Amino acid sequence: MTTGSRRKLIAIIGDSKIETGSLKQQLSQDIGQALVDAGHRVLTGGCGGVMEAAFIGARQSARYACGDTVAVLPGHDPDKANAFADIVIPTGLDHVRNSIVAHADAVVVIGGGAGTLSEVCFAWMYKRLIIALRIDGWSQKLADHPLDHRIRYPDYPDDRIFGADSANDVTQILHEQLPRYVGQHTGIR
């Protein structure tokens, strides 16, 4: 398989606890499904909340195949993954596993607290495309702004965390922007 045909791995990050029937749950499911519909795979931290809802949505896609949901767990026990994870990677790294999640081809942020913010920070430093939903939590605070002063892509002055309101917005931004976000972090300088 060539690099050009590799299915992109899109991380969905956010609140580890959400209310059943909430807008965050619906957005997470819609985005998970839309990503698989668009030919991507979904990566999360593998726990509950936004992560579980995203996997449920991914599995609702008509294009879903085993292997489309990838969980990168903070602990050692693979049985701690939510029931909708196809591939489970127990890291034993606790919060440091957020750095691994941030290495996805792109990162979609839905709400979130401090753990989510750490993933966004890693993704920003790793030059990843970041899309933040305009919903309460860090995603709303970060949407439509650069995270800091660094110039990640000198030829792309509009580099920022892209704001979105729906699954359709997310897939549209991915389609338009993902080809631009091909840079790689080259280490601390």
Protein backbone atom coordinates (compact mmCIF):
# COMPACT_ATOMS: atom_id res chain seq x y z
CA MET A 1 0.00 0.00 0.00
CA THR A 2 1.40 3.40 -0.91
CA THR A 3 1.42 6.39 1.39
CA GLY A 4 -1.13 8.21 -0.79
CA SER A 5 -3.70 5.45 -0.34
CA ARG A 6 -3.33 5.13 3.43
CA ARG A 7 -6.58 5.87 5.23
CA LYS A 8 -6.10 8.90 7.46
CA LEU A 9 -6.38 8.45 11.21
CA ILE A 10 -8.43 11.26 12.75
CA ALA A 11 -8.37 11.70 16.54
CA ILE A 12 -11.50 12.77 18.37
CA ILE A 13 -10.76 14.18 21.80
CA GLY A 14 -12.89 15.76 24.51
CA ASP A 15 -14.81 15.19 27.71
CA SER A 16 -14.43 11.75 29.27
CA LYS A 17 -17.89 12.09 30.82
CA ILE A 18 -20.92 13.43 28.96
CA GLU A 19 -24.63 13.26 29.58
CA THR A 20 -26.71 10.76 27.64
CA GLY A 21 -28.68 12.60 24.99
CA SER A 22 -26.48 15.70 25.21
CA LEU A 23 -25.33 17.79 22.26
CA LYS A 24 -21.76 16.60 22.89
CA GLN A 25 -22.88 12.99 22.61
CA GLN A 26 -24.76 13.68 19.39
CA LEU A 27 -21.89 15.66 17.84
CA SER A 28 -19.39 12.95 18.81
CA GLN A 29 -21.51 10.23 17.21
CA ASP A 30 -22.23 12.31 14.11
CA ILE A 31 -18.56 13.15 13.64
CA GLY A 32 -17.42 9.57 14.22
CA GLN A 33 -19.87 8.36 11.58
CA ALA A 34 -19.03 11.16 9.14
CA LEU A 35 -15.31 10.42 9.40
CA VAL A 36 -15.74 6.74 8.52
CA ASP A 37 -18.25 7.72 5.80
CA ALA A 38 -15.49 9.92 4.35
CA GLY A 39 -12.98 7.05 4.37
CA HIS A 40 -11.07 7.84 7.56
CA ARG A 41 -10.40 5.85 10.71
CA VAL A 42 -11.18 7.18 14.19
CA LEU A 43 -8.66 7.28 17.04
CA THR A 44 -9.48 8.22 20.63
CA GLY A 45 -8.12 7.73 24.13
CA GLY A 46 -10.41 4.72 24.29
CA CYS A 47 -12.35 5.61 27.43
CA GLY A 48 -15.91 6.94 27.89
CA GLY A 49 -17.70 10.17 27.04
CA VAL A 50 -16.80 11.77 23.72
CA MET A 51 -14.42 8.87 22.98
CA GLU A 52 -17.06 6.16 23.32
CA ALA A 53 -19.71 8.20 21.48
CA ALA A 54 -17.32 8.76 18.57
CA PHE A 55 -16.73 5.01 18.26
CA ILE A 56 -20.47 4.32 18.39
CA GLY A 57 -20.93 6.76 15.53
CA ALA A 58 -18.06 5.26 13.56
CA ARG A 59 -19.67 1.85 13.80
CA GLN A 60 -22.96 3.27 12.47
CA SER A 61 -21.33 4.16 9.16
CA ALA A 62 -22.27 2.03 6.17
CA ARG A 63 -18.52 2.05 5.34
CA TYR A 64 -17.46 0.80 8.79
CA ALA A 65 -15.03 -2.13 8.85
CA CYS A 66 -13.29 -3.79 11.76
CA GLY A 67 -10.19 -1.73 12.51
CA ASP A 68 -11.85 1.65 12.01
CA THR A 69 -11.86 2.48 15.75
CA VAL A 70 -8.48 2.70 17.46
CA ALA A 71 -8.12 3.21 21.23
CA VAL A 72 -4.88 4.44 22.80
CA LEU A 73 -5.41 3.75 26.49
CA PRO A 74 -3.68 5.53 29.36
CA GLY A 75 -3.34 2.34 31.42
CA HIS A 76 -1.99 -1.19 31.05
CA ASP A 77 -5.29 -3.12 30.93
CA PRO A 78 -6.77 -3.55 27.43
CA ASP A 79 -10.09 -4.51 29.03
CA LYS A 80 -10.50 -0.89 30.18
CA ALA A 81 -11.25 0.23 26.61
CA ASN A 82 -14.84 1.02 25.77
CA ALA A 83 -16.79 -1.79 24.09
CA PHE A 84 -16.69 -0.11 20.66
CA ALA A 85 -12.90 -0.11 20.21
CA ASP A 86 -11.61 -2.44 17.48
CA ILE A 87 -7.90 -1.96 18.05
CA VAL A 88 -6.77 -1.40 21.64
CA ILE A 89 -3.31 -0.13 22.48
CA PRO A 90 -2.71 -0.09 26.24
CA THR A 91 0.23 2.26 26.83
CA GLY A 92 0.68 2.41 30.59
CA LEU A 93 1.67 6.05 30.03
CA ASP A 94 -1.20 7.73 31.89
CA HIS A 95 -1.53 11.34 30.65
CA VAL A 96 1.60 11.05 28.52
CA ARG A 97 -0.47 8.89 26.14
CA ASN A 98 -2.06 12.19 25.05
CA SER A 99 1.08 12.82 23.02
CA ILE A 100 0.43 9.62 21.05
CA VAL A 101 -3.19 10.55 20.38
CA ALA A 102 -2.02 13.96 19.13
CA HIS A 103 0.09 12.28 16.45
CA ALA A 104 -3.03 11.42 14.41
CA ASP A 105 -3.28 12.97 10.94
CA ALA A 106 -5.75 15.52 12.35
CA VAL A 107 -7.43 16.19 15.69
CA VAL A 108 -11.09 17.06 16.32
CA VAL A 109 -11.84 18.64 19.72
CA ILE A 110 -15.27 18.40 21.37
CA GLY A 111 -15.46 20.30 24.65
CA GLY A 112 -12.85 19.03 27.04
CA GLY A 113 -10.93 19.90 30.16
CA ALA A 114 -7.24 19.89 31.10
CA GLY A 115 -6.47 16.48 29.55
CA THR A 116 -8.02 17.58 26.27
CA LEU A 117 -6.07 20.83 26.40
CA SER A 118 -2.82 18.88 26.75
CA GLU A 119 -3.68 16.90 23.61
CA VAL A 120 -4.42 20.11 21.72
CA CYS A 121 -1.07 21.55 22.84
CA PHE A 122 0.78 18.46 21.62
CA ALA A 123 -1.12 18.49 18.30
CA TRP A 124 -0.28 22.17 17.82
CA MET A 125 3.43 21.55 18.44
CA TYR A 126 3.33 18.50 16.14
CA LYS A 127 1.91 20.69 13.32
CA ARG A 128 -1.37 18.79 13.08
CA LEU A 129 -4.60 20.10 11.64
CA ILE A 130 -6.87 20.86 14.60
CA ILE A 131 -10.64 21.38 14.36
CA ALA A 132 -12.50 22.57 17.46
CA LEU A 133 -16.25 22.41 17.92
CA ARG A 134 -17.86 25.60 19.16
CA ILE A 135 -19.33 23.93 22.24
CA ASP A 136 -18.61 24.49 25.94
CA GLY A 137 -15.15 23.46 27.08
CA TRP A 138 -11.70 24.09 25.68
CA SER A 139 -12.85 23.51 22.12
CA GLN A 140 -15.04 26.62 22.21
CA LYS A 141 -12.27 28.73 23.75
CA LEU A 142 -9.74 27.64 21.13
CA ALA A 143 -11.91 27.59 17.99
CA ASP A 144 -10.91 30.04 15.25
CA HIS A 145 -7.61 31.09 16.87
CA PRO A 146 -3.95 30.10 16.74
CA LEU A 147 -2.87 28.44 19.98
CA ASP A 148 0.24 30.57 20.36
CA HIS A 149 2.63 32.81 18.47
CA ARG A 150 4.65 30.11 16.70
CA ILE A 151 4.72 30.02 12.93
CA ARG A 152 3.96 26.40 12.09
CA TYR A 153 3.53 26.88 8.34
CA PRO A 154 5.26 30.04 7.01
CA ASP A 155 3.45 29.82 3.66
CA TYR A 156 0.07 29.53 5.34
CA PRO A 157 -0.70 32.75 7.28
CA ASP A 158 -4.24 31.56 8.17
CA ASP A 159 -2.95 28.63 10.23
CA ARG A 160 -5.15 28.29 13.30
CA ILE A 161 -7.41 25.93 15.17
CA PHE A 162 -10.38 25.77 12.82
CA GLY A 163 -13.81 26.27 14.38
CA ALA A 164 -16.73 24.01 13.43
CA ASP A 165 -20.37 23.60 14.42
CA SER A 166 -21.29 20.23 12.88
CA ALA A 167 -20.03 16.95 11.46
CA ASN A 168 -20.48 18.42 7.99
CA ASP A 169 -18.21 21.35 8.94
CA VAL A 170 -15.58 18.92 10.21
CA THR A 171 -15.52 16.81 7.03
CA GLN A 172 -15.48 19.96 4.86
CA ILE A 173 -12.51 21.41 6.76
CA LEU A 174 -10.69 18.08 6.59
CA HIS A 175 -11.27 17.86 2.84
CA GLU A 176 -10.04 21.42 2.26
CA GLN A 177 -7.24 21.70 4.80
CA LEU A 178 -5.74 18.25 5.46
CA PRO A 179 -3.60 18.29 2.29
CA ARG A 180 -1.90 21.47 3.61
CA TYR A 181 -1.04 19.96 6.98
CA VAL A 182 1.74 17.59 6.05
CA GLY A 183 4.59 19.08 8.09
CA GLN A 184 6.25 17.04 10.79
CA HIS A 185 7.61 18.08 14.17
CA THR A 186 11.39 17.94 14.00
CA GLY A 187 12.18 18.20 17.69
CA ILE A 188 12.62 20.95 20.23
CA ARG A 189 14.91 23.71 19.04
